[in-house]
C-alpha atoms as a PDB file:
ATOM      1  CA  MET A   1     132.118 -33.755  95.472  1.00  0.00           C
ATOM      2  CA  ILE A   2     136.036 -33.636  95.017  1.00  0.00           C
ATOM      3  CA  ASN A   3     137.599 -32.187  98.112  1.00  0.00           C
ATOM      4  CA  ILE A   4     140.926 -30.776  97.881  1.00  0.00           C
ATOM      5  CA  LYS A   5     142.634 -31.486 100.844  1.00  0.00           C
ATOM      6  CA  LYS A   6     146.477 -31.642  99.733  1.00  0.00           C
ATOM      7  CA  ALA A   7     148.989 -28.567  99.187  1.00  0.00           C
ATOM      8  CA  VAL A   8     152.176 -28.352  97.842  1.00  0.00           C
ATOM      9  CA  ILE A   9     154.644 -24.847  98.613  1.00  0.00           C
ATOM     10  CA  PRO A  10     157.285 -24.531  96.396  1.00  0.00           C
ATOM     11  CA  ALA A  11     160.171 -22.605  98.425  1.00  0.00           C
ATOM     12  CA  ALA A  12     163.313 -23.913  97.085  1.00  0.00           C
ATOM     13  CA  GLY A  13     164.645 -20.885  95.293  1.00  0.00           C
ATOM     14  CA  LEU A  14     167.640 -18.897  96.363  1.00  0.00           C
ATOM     15  CA  GLY A  15     165.939 -15.687  96.593  1.00  0.00           C
ATOM     16  CA  THR A  16     168.875 -13.600  94.792  1.00  0.00           C
ATOM     17  CA  ARG A  17     166.233 -10.921  94.295  1.00  0.00           C
ATOM     18  CA  MET A  18     165.743 -10.128  98.014  1.00  0.00           C
ATOM     19  CA  LEU A  19     169.467 -10.065  98.204  1.00  0.00           C
ATOM     20  CA  PRO A  20     171.299  -8.999 100.996  1.00  0.00           C
ATOM     21  CA  ALA A  21     168.040 -10.139 103.084  1.00  0.00           C
ATOM     22  CA  SER A  22     168.170 -13.264 102.044  1.00  0.00           C
ATOM     23  CA  LYS A  23     171.803 -14.383 102.016  1.00  0.00           C
ATOM     24  CA  SER A  24     171.776 -16.051 105.245  1.00  0.00           C
ATOM     25  CA  MET A  25     167.783 -16.516 106.105  1.00  0.00           C
ATOM     26  CA  PRO A  26     165.094 -18.005 103.602  1.00  0.00           C
ATOM     27  CA  LYS A  27     163.480 -15.149 101.693  1.00  0.00           C
ATOM     28  CA  GLU A  28     160.382 -16.990 103.016  1.00  0.00           C
ATOM     29  CA  MET A  29     161.190 -16.124 106.395  1.00  0.00           C
ATOM     30  CA  ILE A  30     161.131 -12.619 105.983  1.00  0.00           C
ATOM     31  CA  CYS A  31     158.221 -11.217 108.234  1.00  0.00           C
ATOM     32  CA  LEU A  32     155.282  -9.118 106.856  1.00  0.00           C
ATOM     33  CA  VAL A  33     155.145  -7.111 110.444  1.00  0.00           C
ATOM     34  CA  ASP A  34     155.274 -10.118 112.831  1.00  0.00           C
ATOM     35  CA  LYS A  35     154.742 -12.765 110.710  1.00  0.00           C
ATOM     36  CA  PRO A  36     157.054 -14.605 108.099  1.00  0.00           C
ATOM     37  CA  ALA A  37     155.589 -14.573 104.249  1.00  0.00           C
ATOM     38  CA  ILE A  38     155.307 -18.668 104.864  1.00  0.00           C
ATOM     39  CA  GLN A  39     153.178 -18.193 107.321  1.00  0.00           C
ATOM     40  CA  TYR A  40     150.450 -16.105 105.501  1.00  0.00           C
ATOM     41  CA  ILE A  41     150.676 -18.726 102.799  1.00  0.00           C
ATOM     42  CA  VAL A  42     150.293 -21.780 105.079  1.00  0.00           C
ATOM     43  CA  GLU A  43     147.484 -19.985 106.702  1.00  0.00           C
ATOM     44  CA  GLU A  44     145.718 -19.521 103.686  1.00  0.00           C
ATOM     45  CA  ALA A  45     145.829 -23.106 103.056  1.00  0.00           C
ATOM     46  CA  ALA A  46     144.707 -23.896 106.156  1.00  0.00           C
ATOM     47  CA  SER A  47     141.544 -21.608 105.829  1.00  0.00           C
ATOM     48  CA  ALA A  48     140.535 -23.116 102.638  1.00  0.00           C
ATOM     49  CA  GLY A  49     140.074 -26.867 104.100  1.00  0.00           C
ATOM     50  CA  ILE A  50     143.450 -27.939 103.462  1.00  0.00           C
ATOM     51  CA  GLU A  51     144.961 -30.374 105.835  1.00  0.00           C
ATOM     52  CA  ASP A  52     148.105 -31.909 104.640  1.00  0.00           C
ATOM     53  CA  ILE A  53     150.946 -29.320 103.334  1.00  0.00           C
ATOM     54  CA  LEU A  54     153.976 -30.462 101.606  1.00  0.00           C
ATOM     55  CA  ILE A  55     156.685 -27.410 101.132  1.00  0.00           C
ATOM     56  CA  ILE A  56     159.448 -28.357  99.437  1.00  0.00           C
ATOM     57  CA  LEU A  57     162.859 -26.683 100.396  1.00  0.00           C
ATOM     58  CA  SER A  58     166.200 -26.488  99.634  1.00  0.00           C
ATOM     59  CA  ARG A  59     169.813 -26.523 101.645  1.00  0.00           C
ATOM     60  CA  GLY A  60     170.261 -23.812 104.285  1.00  0.00           C
ATOM     61  CA  LYS A  61     166.279 -23.801 104.627  1.00  0.00           C
ATOM     62  CA  SER A  62     165.569 -25.501 107.997  1.00  0.00           C
ATOM     63  CA  LEU A  63     164.275 -21.907 109.304  1.00  0.00           C
ATOM     64  CA  VAL A  64     161.325 -22.746 108.075  1.00  0.00           C
ATOM     65  CA  GLU A  65     160.854 -26.142 109.906  1.00  0.00           C
ATOM     66  CA  ASP A  66     161.856 -24.704 112.930  1.00  0.00           C
ATOM     67  CA  HIS A  67     159.112 -21.922 112.348  1.00  0.00           C
ATOM     68  CA  PHE A  68     156.249 -24.819 112.594  1.00  0.00           C
ATOM     69  CA  ASP A  69     157.344 -27.051 115.209  1.00  0.00           C
ATOM     70  CA  ARG A  70     156.648 -26.515 118.575  1.00  0.00           C
ATOM     71  CA  SER A  71     159.662 -24.515 120.772  1.00  0.00           C
ATOM     72  CA  PRO A  72     159.110 -25.819 124.190  1.00  0.00           C
ATOM     73  CA  GLU A  73     161.461 -23.657 125.721  1.00  0.00           C
ATOM     74  CA  LEU A  74     159.840 -20.593 124.395  1.00  0.00           C
ATOM     75  CA  GLU A  75     156.578 -21.984 125.539  1.00  0.00           C
ATOM     76  CA  TRP A  76     157.576 -22.452 128.936  1.00  0.00           C
ATOM     77  CA  ARG A  77     159.093 -19.041 129.075  1.00  0.00           C
ATOM     78  CA  LEU A  78     155.684 -17.679 128.087  1.00  0.00           C
ATOM     79  CA  SER A  79     153.627 -19.826 130.068  1.00  0.00           C
ATOM     80  CA  GLN A  80     156.101 -18.650 133.441  1.00  0.00           C
ATOM     81  CA  THR A  81     155.728 -15.496 132.631  1.00  0.00           C
ATOM     82  CA  GLY A  82     151.699 -15.027 131.731  1.00  0.00           C
ATOM     83  CA  LYS A  83     151.942 -14.550 128.074  1.00  0.00           C
ATOM     84  CA  GLU A  84     148.914 -17.014 127.724  1.00  0.00           C
ATOM     85  CA  SER A  85     147.997 -15.027 124.263  1.00  0.00           C
ATOM     86  CA  LEU A  86     151.151 -15.217 122.928  1.00  0.00           C
ATOM     87  CA  LEU A  87     151.268 -18.717 124.019  1.00  0.00           C
ATOM     88  CA  ASP A  88     148.678 -19.855 122.280  1.00  0.00           C
ATOM     89  CA  GLN A  89     149.396 -18.153 119.346  1.00  0.00           C
ATOM     90  CA  MET A  90     152.715 -19.977 119.372  1.00  0.00           C
ATOM     91  CA  THR A  91     151.163 -23.714 119.845  1.00  0.00           C
ATOM     92  CA  ASP A  92     148.529 -22.710 117.316  1.00  0.00           C
ATOM     93  CA  ILE A  93     151.271 -22.167 114.559  1.00  0.00           C
ATOM     94  CA  SER A  94     152.330 -25.939 114.495  1.00  0.00           C
ATOM     95  CA  LYS A  95     148.722 -26.845 114.773  1.00  0.00           C
ATOM     96  CA  LEU A  96     147.859 -25.245 111.309  1.00  0.00           C
ATOM     97  CA  ALA A  97     147.986 -27.881 109.351  1.00  0.00           C
ATOM     98  CA  ASN A  98     149.706 -31.413 108.682  1.00  0.00           C
ATOM     99  CA  ILE A  99     152.763 -29.967 107.533  1.00  0.00           C
ATOM    100  CA  CYS A 100     155.358 -32.202 105.827  1.00  0.00           C
ATOM    101  CA  TYR A 101     159.493 -31.637 103.926  1.00  0.00           C
ATOM    102  CA  VAL A 102     161.137 -32.299 101.411  1.00  0.00           C
ATOM    103  CA  ARG A 103     164.200 -31.365  99.496  1.00  0.00           C
ATOM    104  CA  GLN A 104     165.097 -29.918  95.978  1.00  0.00           C
ATOM    105  CA  HIS A 105     168.509 -31.268  95.613  1.00  0.00           C
ATOM    106  CA  GLU A 106     168.724 -29.098  92.428  1.00  0.00           C
ATOM    107  CA  ALA A 107     167.500 -26.005  91.113  1.00  0.00           C
ATOM    108  CA  LEU A 108     166.148 -27.094  88.420  1.00  0.00           C
ATOM    109  CA  GLY A 109     162.953 -25.104  87.885  1.00  0.00           C
ATOM    110  CA  LEU A 110     159.542 -25.226  89.371  1.00  0.00           C
ATOM    111  CA  GLY A 111     157.952 -27.927  87.569  1.00  0.00           C
ATOM    112  CA  HIS A 112     161.176 -29.928  88.818  1.00  0.00           C
ATOM    113  CA  ALA A 113     160.228 -29.183  92.046  1.00  0.00           C
ATOM    114  CA  ILE A 114     156.461 -29.762  92.039  1.00  0.00           C
ATOM    115  CA  TYR A 115     157.662 -33.004  90.858  1.00  0.00           C
ATOM    116  CA  GLN A 116     158.830 -34.102  94.203  1.00  0.00           C
ATOM    117  CA  ALA A 117     155.269 -33.894  95.669  1.00  0.00           C
ATOM    118  CA  LYS A 118     154.631 -36.980  93.395  1.00  0.00           C
ATOM    119  CA  ALA A 119     154.677 -39.530  96.352  1.00  0.00           C
ATOM    120  CA  PHE A 120     152.923 -37.285  98.511  1.00  0.00           C
ATOM    121  CA  VAL A 121     150.199 -36.362  96.251  1.00  0.00           C
ATOM    122  CA  GLY A 122     149.358 -39.945  95.318  1.00  0.00           C
ATOM    123  CA  ASP A 123     146.088 -39.918  93.046  1.00  0.00           C
ATOM    124  CA  SER A 124     144.473 -36.459  94.396  1.00  0.00           C
ATOM    125  CA  PRO A 125     144.024 -33.493  92.796  1.00  0.00           C
ATOM    126  CA  PHE A 126     146.264 -30.741  94.743  1.00  0.00           C
ATOM    127  CA  ALA A 127     146.625 -27.483  95.370  1.00  0.00           C
ATOM    128  CA  VAL A 128     149.934 -25.369  94.565  1.00  0.00           C
ATOM    129  CA  LEU A 129     150.482 -22.277  96.341  1.00  0.00           C
ATOM    130  CA  TYR A 130     153.654 -20.401  95.091  1.00  0.00           C
ATOM    131  CA  GLY A 131     156.116 -19.525  97.934  1.00  0.00           C
ATOM    132  CA  ASP A 132     156.967 -16.325  96.484  1.00  0.00           C
ATOM    133  CA  ASP A 133     153.074 -15.244  96.550  1.00  0.00           C
ATOM    134  CA  VAL A 134     151.302 -13.773  99.719  1.00  0.00           C
ATOM    135  CA  VAL A 135     147.598 -13.287  98.467  1.00  0.00           C
ATOM    136  CA  ILE A 136     145.701 -11.636 100.891  1.00  0.00           C
ATOM    137  CA  SER A 137     142.002 -12.033 101.150  1.00  0.00           C
ATOM    138  CA  LYS A 138     138.847 -12.131 102.899  1.00  0.00           C
ATOM    139  CA  ASN A 139     137.824 -15.556 100.798  1.00  0.00           C
ATOM    140  CA  PRO A 140     141.154 -17.159 100.329  1.00  0.00           C
ATOM    141  CA  ALA A 141     142.318 -17.140  97.017  1.00  0.00           C
ATOM    142  CA  ILE A 142     143.270 -21.047  96.934  1.00  0.00           C
ATOM    143  CA  ARG A 143     139.846 -21.513  98.028  1.00  0.00           C
ATOM    144  CA  GLN A 144     138.485 -19.912  94.840  1.00  0.00           C
ATOM    145  CA  LEU A 145     140.626 -21.961  92.891  1.00  0.00           C
ATOM    146  CA  CYS A 146     139.622 -25.035  94.561  1.00  0.00           C
ATOM    147  CA  ASP A 147     135.510 -24.377  94.261  1.00  0.00           C
ATOM    148  CA  ALA A 148     136.532 -24.245  90.147  1.00  0.00           C
ATOM    149  CA  TYR A 149     138.165 -27.173  90.196  1.00  0.00           C
ATOM    150  CA  GLU A 150     134.997 -28.888  92.072  1.00  0.00           C
ATOM    151  CA  GLN A 151     132.704 -27.281  89.888  1.00  0.00           C
ATOM    152  CA  TYR A 152     134.482 -28.241  86.197  1.00  0.00           C
ATOM    153  CA  GLY A 153     136.600 -31.151  87.172  1.00  0.00           C
ATOM    154  CA  LEU A 154     139.733 -29.203  85.519  1.00  0.00           C
ATOM    155  CA  GLY A 155     143.353 -28.156  85.914  1.00  0.00           C
ATOM    156  CA  VAL A 156     143.003 -24.148  87.670  1.00  0.00           C
ATOM    157  CA  ALA A 157     145.128 -21.648  87.091  1.00  0.00           C
ATOM    158  CA  GLY A 158     145.049 -18.524  89.046  1.00  0.00           C
ATOM    159  CA  VAL A 159     145.085 -15.497  86.760  1.00  0.00           C
ATOM    160  CA  LYS A 160     144.926 -11.678  86.912  1.00  0.00           C
ATOM    161  CA  PRO A 161     145.786  -9.026  84.178  1.00  0.00           C
ATOM    162  CA  VAL A 162     149.542  -7.257  84.234  1.00  0.00           C
ATOM    163  CA  PRO A 163     150.527  -4.953  82.190  1.00  0.00           C
ATOM    164  CA  ILE A 164     151.637  -5.891  78.733  1.00  0.00           C
ATOM    165  CA  GLU A 165     155.415  -4.786  79.574  1.00  0.00           C
ATOM    166  CA  HIS A 166     155.567  -6.859  82.585  1.00  0.00           C
ATOM    167  CA  LEU A 167     154.551 -10.432  81.026  1.00  0.00           C
ATOM    168  CA  PRO A 168     157.743 -11.381  79.956  1.00  0.00           C
ATOM    169  CA  ARG A 169     158.237 -12.393  83.583  1.00  0.00           C
ATOM    170  CA  TYR A 170     155.103 -14.660  83.987  1.00  0.00           C
ATOM    171  CA  GLY A 171     153.104 -16.921  82.133  1.00  0.00           C
ATOM    172  CA  SER A 172     150.630 -15.467  79.469  1.00  0.00           C
ATOM    173  CA  THR A 173     147.169 -17.124  78.884  1.00  0.00           C
ATOM    174  CA  LYS A 174     145.262 -17.910  75.717  1.00  0.00           C
ATOM    175  CA  ALA A 175     141.500 -17.098  77.700  1.00  0.00           C
ATOM    176  CA  SER A 176     138.300 -17.010  76.478  1.00  0.00           C
ATOM    177  CA  HIS A 177     135.668 -15.690  79.010  1.00  0.00           C
ATOM    178  CA  ILE A 178     133.208 -18.252  80.544  1.00  0.00           C
ATOM    179  CA  SER A 179     130.904 -15.682  83.365  1.00  0.00           C
ATOM    180  CA  GLY A 180     132.138 -13.781  86.458  1.00  0.00           C
ATOM    181  CA  ASN A 181     135.868 -14.319  86.944  1.00  0.00           C
ATOM    182  CA  HIS A 182     135.891 -17.888  85.252  1.00  0.00           C
ATOM    183  CA  TYR A 183     137.767 -18.025  82.068  1.00  0.00           C
ATOM    184  CA  THR A 184     138.681 -21.525  79.772  1.00  0.00           C
ATOM    185  CA  ILE A 185     142.345 -21.491  78.995  1.00  0.00           C
ATOM    186  CA  THR A 186     143.520 -23.180  75.821  1.00  0.00           C
ATOM    187  CA  ASP A 187     146.971 -22.356  75.381  1.00  0.00           C
ATOM    188  CA  MET A 188     149.910 -20.847  77.665  1.00  0.00           C
ATOM    189  CA  ILE A 189     153.577 -19.677  77.472  1.00  0.00           C
ATOM    190  CA  GLU A 190     156.065 -19.193  79.994  1.00  0.00           C
ATOM    191  CA  LYS A 191     157.596 -15.701  79.879  1.00  0.00           C
ATOM    192  CA  PRO A 192     157.009 -15.213  76.463  1.00  0.00           C
ATOM    193  CA  PRO A 193     158.917 -12.649  74.789  1.00  0.00           C
ATOM    194  CA  PRO A 194     157.428  -9.183  73.432  1.00  0.00           C
ATOM    195  CA  GLY A 195     154.859  -9.866  70.701  1.00  0.00           C
ATOM    196  CA  GLN A 196     154.388 -13.372  71.086  1.00  0.00           C
ATOM    197  CA  GLU A 197     152.078 -13.011  74.483  1.00  0.00           C
ATOM    198  CA  PHE A 198     148.104 -14.361  74.501  1.00  0.00           C
ATOM    199  CA  SER A 199     146.845 -12.049  76.457  1.00  0.00           C
ATOM    200  CA  ASN A 200     147.473 -10.134  79.522  1.00  0.00           C
ATOM    201  CA  LEU A 201     145.812 -12.527  81.966  1.00  0.00           C
ATOM    202  CA  ALA A 202     148.952 -13.717  83.658  1.00  0.00           C
ATOM    203  CA  ILE A 203     149.475 -16.943  85.554  1.00  0.00           C
ATOM    204  CA  LEU A 204     150.308 -15.649  89.527  1.00  0.00           C
ATOM    205  CA  GLY A 205     150.763 -17.585  92.406  1.00  0.00           C
ATOM    206  CA  ARG A 206     147.896 -20.321  92.643  1.00  0.00           C
ATOM    207  CA  CYS A 207     147.029 -23.382  90.925  1.00  0.00           C
ATOM    208  CA  VAL A 208     145.047 -26.537  91.609  1.00  0.00           C
ATOM    209  CA  LEU A 209     146.581 -29.438  89.449  1.00  0.00           C
ATOM    210  CA  PRO A 210     145.142 -33.465  89.030  1.00  0.00           C
ATOM    211  CA  SER A 211     147.695 -35.791  89.665  1.00  0.00           C
ATOM    212  CA  GLU A 212     148.064 -36.461  86.205  1.00  0.00           C
ATOM    213  CA  ILE A 213     150.486 -33.410  85.849  1.00  0.00           C
ATOM    214  CA  PHE A 214     153.416 -36.062  87.263  1.00  0.00           C
ATOM    215  CA  GLY A 215     153.055 -38.036  83.966  1.00  0.00           C
ATOM    216  CA  ILE A 216     153.494 -34.615  81.935  1.00  0.00           C
ATOM    217  CA  LEU A 217     156.162 -33.448  84.115  1.00  0.00           C
ATOM    218  CA  GLU A 218     158.455 -36.421  83.685  1.00  0.00           C
ATOM    219  CA  LYS A 219     158.346 -35.859  79.991  1.00  0.00           C
ATOM    220  CA  THR A 220     158.787 -31.848  79.727  1.00  0.00           C
ATOM    221  CA  PRO A 221     161.477 -30.825  78.460  1.00  0.00           C
ATOM    222  CA  LYS A 222     163.739 -27.689  79.744  1.00  0.00           C
ATOM    223  CA  GLY A 223     162.228 -24.348  78.963  1.00  0.00           C
ATOM    224  CA  VAL A 224     163.219 -20.938  79.497  1.00  0.00           C
ATOM    225  CA  GLY A 225     166.086 -20.462  81.438  1.00  0.00           C
ATOM    226  CA  GLY A 226     167.224 -24.141  81.209  1.00  0.00           C
ATOM    227  CA  GLU A 227     164.764 -25.181  83.803  1.00  0.00           C
ATOM    228  CA  ILE A 228     161.722 -27.755  83.537  1.00  0.00           C
ATOM    229  CA  GLN A 229     158.752 -25.016  83.956  1.00  0.00           C
ATOM    230  CA  LEU A 230     155.673 -25.781  85.389  1.00  0.00           C
ATOM    231  CA  THR A 231     153.641 -23.536  82.778  1.00  0.00           C
ATOM    232  CA  ASP A 232     154.986 -26.012  79.819  1.00  0.00           C
ATOM    233  CA  ALA A 233     153.539 -29.063  81.298  1.00  0.00           C
ATOM    234  CA  MET A 234     150.254 -27.148  82.362  1.00  0.00           C
ATOM    235  CA  ARG A 235     150.422 -25.807  78.803  1.00  0.00           C
ATOM    236  CA  TYR A 236     150.184 -29.702  77.738  1.00  0.00           C
ATOM    237  CA  LEU A 237     146.692 -30.076  80.074  1.00  0.00           C
ATOM    238  CA  ALA A 238     145.194 -26.769  78.470  1.00  0.00           C
ATOM    239  CA  ILE A 239     145.796 -27.854  74.703  1.00  0.00           C
ATOM    240  CA  GLU A 240     144.569 -31.686  75.525  1.00  0.00           C
ATOM    241  CA  LYS A 241     141.663 -30.569  78.174  1.00  0.00           C
ATOM    242  CA  THR A 242     141.318 -27.111  78.442  1.00  0.00           C
ATOM    243  CA  MET A 243     141.981 -25.640  81.924  1.00  0.00           C
ATOM    244  CA  ILE A 244     140.272 -22.924  84.051  1.00  0.00           C
ATOM    245  CA  GLY A 245     141.317 -19.857  84.742  1.00  0.00           C
ATOM    246  CA  VAL A 246     140.167 -17.804  87.970  1.00  0.00           C
ATOM    247  CA  GLU A 247     140.997 -14.211  88.353  1.00  0.00           C
ATOM    248  CA  TYR A 248     140.427 -14.735  92.163  1.00  0.00           C
ATOM    249  CA  GLU A 249     139.795 -12.250  94.850  1.00  0.00           C
ATOM    250  CA  GLY A 250     142.776 -10.593  96.736  1.00  0.00           C
ATOM    251  CA  THR A 251     145.496  -8.290  96.793  1.00  0.00           C
ATOM    252  CA  ARG A 252     148.623 -10.496  95.425  1.00  0.00           C
ATOM    253  CA  TYR A 253     152.001  -9.088  97.017  1.00  0.00           C
ATOM    254  CA  ASP A 254     155.394 -11.009  95.126  1.00  0.00           C
ATOM    255  CA  MET A 255     158.407 -11.266  98.020  1.00  0.00           C
ATOM    256  CA  GLY A 256     161.089 -11.844  95.609  1.00  0.00           C
ATOM    257  CA  ASN A 257     160.194  -7.937  94.619  1.00  0.00           C
ATOM    258  CA  LYS A 258     161.435  -5.405  97.121  1.00  0.00           C
ATOM    259  CA  LEU A 259     158.807  -2.330  96.095  1.00  0.00           C
ATOM    260  CA  SER A 260     156.137  -5.453  96.244  1.00  0.00           C
ATOM    261  CA  TYR A 261     157.289  -6.429  99.711  1.00  0.00           C
ATOM    262  CA  MET A 262     157.303  -2.881 101.101  1.00  0.00           C
ATOM    263  CA  GLN A 263     153.830  -2.135  99.570  1.00  0.00           C
ATOM    264  CA  ALA A 264     152.919  -5.473 101.563  1.00  0.00           C
ATOM    265  CA  SER A 265     154.868  -4.365 104.772  1.00  0.00           C
ATOM    266  CA  VAL A 266     152.795  -1.213 104.761  1.00  0.00           C
ATOM    267  CA  GLU A 267     149.451  -2.116 104.168  1.00  0.00           C
ATOM    268  CA  LEU A 268     149.137  -5.581 106.509  1.00  0.00           C
ATOM    269  CA  ALA A 269     150.656  -2.889 109.204  1.00  0.00           C
ATOM    270  CA  LEU A 270     147.572  -0.302 108.728  1.00  0.00           C
ATOM    271  CA  SER A 271     145.094  -3.685 109.119  1.00  0.00           C
ATOM    272  CA  HIS A 272     147.104  -5.026 112.341  1.00  0.00           C
ATOM    273  CA  PRO A 273     144.947  -4.928 115.140  1.00  0.00           C
ATOM    274  CA  GLU A 274     148.081  -3.822 117.554  1.00  0.00           C
ATOM    275  CA  ILE A 275     149.740  -1.198 115.513  1.00  0.00           C
ATOM    276  CA  SER A 276     147.324   0.135 112.644  1.00  0.00           C
ATOM    277  CA  ALA A 277     146.116   3.568 114.178  1.00  0.00           C
ATOM    278  CA  GLN A 278     149.551   4.540 115.176  1.00  0.00           C
ATOM    279  CA  PHE A 279     151.351   3.457 112.322  1.00  0.00           C
ATOM    280  CA  ALA A 280     148.725   5.509 110.291  1.00  0.00           C
ATOM    281  CA  ASP A 281     149.420   8.246 112.671  1.00  0.00           C
ATOM    282  CA  TYR A 282     152.930   7.923 111.823  1.00  0.00           C
ATOM    283  CA  LEU A 283     152.776   7.833 107.630  1.00  0.00           C
ATOM    284  CA  LYS A 284     150.597  10.842 108.355  1.00  0.00           C
ATOM    285  CA  SER A 285     153.319  12.980 110.304  1.00  0.00           C
ATOM    286  CA  LEU A 286     156.065  12.104 107.341  1.00  0.00           C
END
């Protein structure tokens, strides 16, 4: 049985869609209620059984590393003031998984970012959780994809239907229904111009890939936007071997989209154990 134990989180983007908030703070560190967005992503991976995580960063994002590290001064202060519950929360952050980091020195695209994980991954299949995408689900979205990889032995892409007019922002898949929420994918296109999309099933935020993707990425030319696109490399897998599409359960929020970020903030606040009732009352009073 295949067990997916490694994950890669690409988080090297400049975050221009979230300016000015992301001018001096990585967009991955912008908080949803009381946790930065990237913590939700790491927690999803950890809850799915992932043990080793590589986060791809770029210059100026050391705050991400600091967040998942221990903070002796803060922990000492919490201990001295009797805030044991908060102390436990802070120390638990550093225990979520074995986390390491590598820098993408040039902004050459998502495919190039994933290629930086070659040494970390080795010959193992691995999960990819896009740093822009927070997915809230009782059954972790990436666990659903790992289960499909273990079932079929093929690369897996997380998919969701999107309005046809939104497809130029995503990757469109040529998909045939298998059963339940599973599909076979035989082709895909990144950011298709109107009229060139395969279907409204878009690749959204999660995938599980075999290590052979690195050999494909080495030969993948620059695509849309003059960047090396992961979708173009996955397309080779889809055509040569087919891939599996999983329409995962859960709500996806795009942390590079201001409206989606606000929706996530409101919806997570409404389920937060400390403030949900008061926040609901506040919304009703508006």
